[in-house]
Amino acid sequence: MTRKCPNPNDQKLYDLEDRTAIFRESIIYFAKTIPQNLINNSLINQLIRSGTSIGANYMEADAAASKKDFKHKISICRKEAKETMHWLRMIVKANPEKTNEGRTLWKEAKELALIFSAILNTKKQP
């Protein structure tokens, strides 16, 4: 049985824990559809690492012990979202047939990066 990659843009979520969970699930489903070969295997590995760590770091930020720890974890979320954008671009370059799915995921990673940037910018003010 094949599961279709959920579209993270089907409904906009305002709960970042849910949104990052749907995103990491979408990354996993997408990765399973990419043909395995020497190049793709390396790209898939990197994509899975960065794409799934966004949500893990967000959950750590949500349980942060201090404002400094919170900001640090959110900055990691932003970094991982940007890295995920990079790996999605490389996968699409290596697998042009994955352009539409990759573009959808890239847009969601970009939105997440912008959200985390906005959180960091808000927290910088006294």
C-alpha atoms as a PDB file:
ATOM      1  CA  MET A   1       0.000   0.000   0.000  1.00  0.00           C
ATOM      2  CA  THR A   2       1.379   3.371  -1.028  1.00  0.00           C
ATOM      3  CA  ARG A   3       0.645   6.457   1.009  1.00  0.00           C
ATOM      4  CA  LYS A   4       0.379   9.698  -0.866  1.00  0.00           C
ATOM      5  CA  CYS A   5       2.517  12.554   0.385  1.00  0.00           C
ATOM      6  CA  PRO A   6       0.244  14.891   2.337  1.00  0.00           C
ATOM      7  CA  ASN A   7       0.191  18.402   0.977  1.00  0.00           C
ATOM      8  CA  PRO A   8       1.314  20.715   3.786  1.00  0.00           C
ATOM      9  CA  ASN A   9      -0.561  23.570   2.088  1.00  0.00           C
ATOM     10  CA  ASP A  10      -3.989  21.846   2.093  1.00  0.00           C
ATOM     11  CA  GLN A  11      -4.864  23.792   5.213  1.00  0.00           C
ATOM     12  CA  LYS A  12      -2.703  26.367   6.880  1.00  0.00           C
ATOM     13  CA  LEU A  13      -1.928  25.376  10.419  1.00  0.00           C
ATOM     14  CA  TYR A  14      -1.283  27.959  13.072  1.00  0.00           C
ATOM     15  CA  ASP A  15      -0.047  25.422  15.601  1.00  0.00           C
ATOM     16  CA  LEU A  16       3.652  25.082  14.769  1.00  0.00           C
ATOM     17  CA  GLU A  17       3.915  21.721  16.494  1.00  0.00           C
ATOM     18  CA  ASP A  18       1.254  20.298  14.157  1.00  0.00           C
ATOM     19  CA  ARG A  19       2.606  22.147  11.141  1.00  0.00           C
ATOM     20  CA  THR A  20       6.155  20.910  11.645  1.00  0.00           C
ATOM     21  CA  ALA A  21       4.850  17.366  12.274  1.00  0.00           C
ATOM     22  CA  ILE A  22       2.933  17.378   8.981  1.00  0.00           C
ATOM     23  CA  PHE A  23       5.994  18.793   7.243  1.00  0.00           C
ATOM     24  CA  ARG A  24       8.355  16.105   8.526  1.00  0.00           C
ATOM     25  CA  GLU A  25       5.839  13.392   7.565  1.00  0.00           C
ATOM     26  CA  SER A  26       5.578  14.928   4.092  1.00  0.00           C
ATOM     27  CA  ILE A  27       9.372  14.908   3.778  1.00  0.00           C
ATOM     28  CA  ILE A  28       9.474  11.208   4.682  1.00  0.00           C
ATOM     29  CA  TYR A  29       6.713  10.310   2.196  1.00  0.00           C
ATOM     30  CA  PHE A  30       8.439  12.344  -0.515  1.00  0.00           C
ATOM     31  CA  ALA A  31      11.805  10.721   0.184  1.00  0.00           C
ATOM     32  CA  LYS A  32      10.250   7.267  -0.219  1.00  0.00           C
ATOM     33  CA  THR A  33       9.209   8.159  -3.788  1.00  0.00           C
ATOM     34  CA  ILE A  34      12.685   9.125  -4.959  1.00  0.00           C
ATOM     35  CA  PRO A  35      14.514   6.437  -6.950  1.00  0.00           C
ATOM     36  CA  GLN A  36      17.462   5.007  -5.051  1.00  0.00           C
ATOM     37  CA  ASN A  37      20.907   5.400  -6.603  1.00  0.00           C
ATOM     38  CA  LEU A  38      24.315   6.622  -5.489  1.00  0.00           C
ATOM     39  CA  ILE A  39      23.505  10.321  -5.842  1.00  0.00           C
ATOM     40  CA  ASN A  40      19.922  10.226  -4.592  1.00  0.00           C
ATOM     41  CA  ASN A  41      20.742   8.157  -1.531  1.00  0.00           C
ATOM     42  CA  SER A  42      23.092  10.847  -0.251  1.00  0.00           C
ATOM     43  CA  LEU A  43      20.606  13.630  -0.993  1.00  0.00           C
ATOM     44  CA  ILE A  44      17.732  11.710   0.613  1.00  0.00           C
ATOM     45  CA  ASN A  45      19.783  11.138   3.760  1.00  0.00           C
ATOM     46  CA  GLN A  46      20.536  14.845   4.098  1.00  0.00           C
ATOM     47  CA  LEU A  47      16.923  15.821   3.355  1.00  0.00           C
ATOM     48  CA  ILE A  48      15.546  13.451   5.987  1.00  0.00           C
ATOM     49  CA  ARG A  49      18.023  14.729   8.575  1.00  0.00           C
ATOM     50  CA  SER A  50      17.279  18.422   8.061  1.00  0.00           C
ATOM     51  CA  GLY A  51      13.572  18.122   7.265  1.00  0.00           C
ATOM     52  CA  THR A  52      12.727  16.061  10.327  1.00  0.00           C
ATOM     53  CA  SER A  53      14.917  18.011  12.718  1.00  0.00           C
ATOM     54  CA  ILE A  54      12.852  21.185  12.240  1.00  0.00           C
ATOM     55  CA  GLY A  55       9.993  19.743  14.283  1.00  0.00           C
ATOM     56  CA  ALA A  56      12.267  18.079  16.815  1.00  0.00           C
ATOM     57  CA  ASN A  57      14.021  21.374  17.519  1.00  0.00           C
ATOM     58  CA  TYR A  58      10.703  23.213  17.664  1.00  0.00           C
ATOM     59  CA  MET A  59       9.523  20.793  20.360  1.00  0.00           C
ATOM     60  CA  GLU A  60      12.763  21.432  22.259  1.00  0.00           C
ATOM     61  CA  ALA A  61      12.199  25.191  21.915  1.00  0.00           C
ATOM     62  CA  ASP A  62       8.683  24.800  23.251  1.00  0.00           C
ATOM     63  CA  ALA A  63      10.139  23.145  26.370  1.00  0.00           C
ATOM     64  CA  ALA A  64      13.074  25.554  26.709  1.00  0.00           C
ATOM     65  CA  ALA A  65      14.316  26.348  30.193  1.00  0.00           C
ATOM     66  CA  SER A  66      15.159  29.977  29.392  1.00  0.00           C
ATOM     67  CA  LYS A  67      14.614  32.706  26.803  1.00  0.00           C
ATOM     68  CA  LYS A  68      18.178  32.238  25.618  1.00  0.00           C
ATOM     69  CA  ASP A  69      17.636  28.493  25.144  1.00  0.00           C
ATOM     70  CA  PHE A  70      14.349  29.193  23.326  1.00  0.00           C
ATOM     71  CA  LYS A  71      16.029  31.603  20.903  1.00  0.00           C
ATOM     72  CA  HIS A  72      18.851  29.147  20.288  1.00  0.00           C
ATOM     73  CA  LYS A  73      16.450  26.291  19.441  1.00  0.00           C
ATOM     74  CA  ILE A  74      14.314  28.522  17.199  1.00  0.00           C
ATOM     75  CA  SER A  75      17.465  29.631  15.361  1.00  0.00           C
ATOM     76  CA  ILE A  76      18.287  25.955  14.774  1.00  0.00           C
ATOM     77  CA  CYS A  77      14.749  25.454  13.408  1.00  0.00           C
ATOM     78  CA  ARG A  78      15.345  28.300  10.956  1.00  0.00           C
ATOM     79  CA  LYS A  79      18.734  26.925   9.949  1.00  0.00           C
ATOM     80  CA  GLU A  80      17.313  23.446   9.351  1.00  0.00           C
ATOM     81  CA  ALA A  81      14.403  24.848   7.319  1.00  0.00           C
ATOM     82  CA  LYS A  82      16.857  26.697   5.080  1.00  0.00           C
ATOM     83  CA  GLU A  83      19.029  23.593   4.762  1.00  0.00           C
ATOM     84  CA  THR A  84      15.947  21.569   3.806  1.00  0.00           C
ATOM     85  CA  MET A  85      15.256  24.082   1.024  1.00  0.00           C
ATOM     86  CA  HIS A  86      18.765  23.427  -0.282  1.00  0.00           C
ATOM     87  CA  TRP A  87      18.376  19.636  -0.303  1.00  0.00           C
ATOM     88  CA  LEU A  88      14.956  19.840  -1.962  1.00  0.00           C
ATOM     89  CA  ARG A  89      16.470  21.953  -4.708  1.00  0.00           C
ATOM     90  CA  MET A  90      19.274  19.438  -5.228  1.00  0.00           C
ATOM     91  CA  ILE A  91      16.839  16.507  -5.353  1.00  0.00           C
ATOM     92  CA  VAL A  92      14.689  18.249  -7.940  1.00  0.00           C
ATOM     93  CA  LYS A  93      17.797  19.044  -9.987  1.00  0.00           C
ATOM     94  CA  ALA A  94      18.777  15.362  -9.910  1.00  0.00           C
ATOM     95  CA  ASN A  95      15.175  14.187 -10.462  1.00  0.00           C
ATOM     96  CA  PRO A  96      13.259  16.691 -12.645  1.00  0.00           C
ATOM     97  CA  GLU A  97      10.132  14.510 -12.492  1.00  0.00           C
ATOM     98  CA  LYS A  98       9.892  15.464  -8.790  1.00  0.00           C
ATOM     99  CA  THR A  99       9.658  19.207  -9.508  1.00  0.00           C
ATOM    100  CA  ASN A 100       6.013  19.716  -8.501  1.00  0.00           C
ATOM    101  CA  GLU A 101       6.240  17.797  -5.225  1.00  0.00           C
ATOM    102  CA  GLY A 102       9.623  19.336  -4.443  1.00  0.00           C
ATOM    103  CA  ARG A 103       8.330  22.851  -5.121  1.00  0.00           C
ATOM    104  CA  THR A 104       5.396  22.366  -2.733  1.00  0.00           C
ATOM    105  CA  LEU A 105       7.701  21.163   0.036  1.00  0.00           C
ATOM    106  CA  TRP A 106      10.233  23.918  -0.732  1.00  0.00           C
ATOM    107  CA  LYS A 107       7.507  26.559  -0.309  1.00  0.00           C
ATOM    108  CA  GLU A 108       6.502  25.126   3.059  1.00  0.00           C
ATOM    109  CA  ALA A 109      10.148  25.023   4.205  1.00  0.00           C
ATOM    110  CA  LYS A 110      10.481  28.668   3.113  1.00  0.00           C
ATOM    111  CA  GLU A 111       7.342  29.639   5.060  1.00  0.00           C
ATOM    112  CA  LEU A 112       8.636  27.853   8.142  1.00  0.00           C
ATOM    113  CA  ALA A 113      11.987  29.641   7.839  1.00  0.00           C
ATOM    114  CA  LEU A 114      10.161  32.978   7.612  1.00  0.00           C
ATOM    115  CA  ILE A 115       8.004  32.140  10.644  1.00  0.00           C
ATOM    116  CA  PHE A 116      11.064  31.233  12.708  1.00  0.00           C
ATOM    117  CA  SER A 117      12.792  34.438  11.555  1.00  0.00           C
ATOM    118  CA  ALA A 118       9.765  36.459  12.658  1.00  0.00           C
ATOM    119  CA  ILE A 119       9.787  34.736  16.053  1.00  0.00           C
ATOM    120  CA  LEU A 120      13.476  35.552  16.480  1.00  0.00           C
ATOM    121  CA  ASN A 121      12.953  39.169  15.431  1.00  0.00           C
ATOM    122  CA  THR A 122      10.054  39.557  17.862  1.00  0.00           C
ATOM    123  CA  LYS A 123      12.060  38.075  20.732  1.00  0.00           C
ATOM    124  CA  LYS A 124      14.969  40.484  20.134  1.00  0.00           C
ATOM    125  CA  GLN A 125      12.938  43.431  21.327  1.00  0.00           C
ATOM    126  CA  PRO A 126      13.083  44.210  25.069  1.00  0.00           C
END
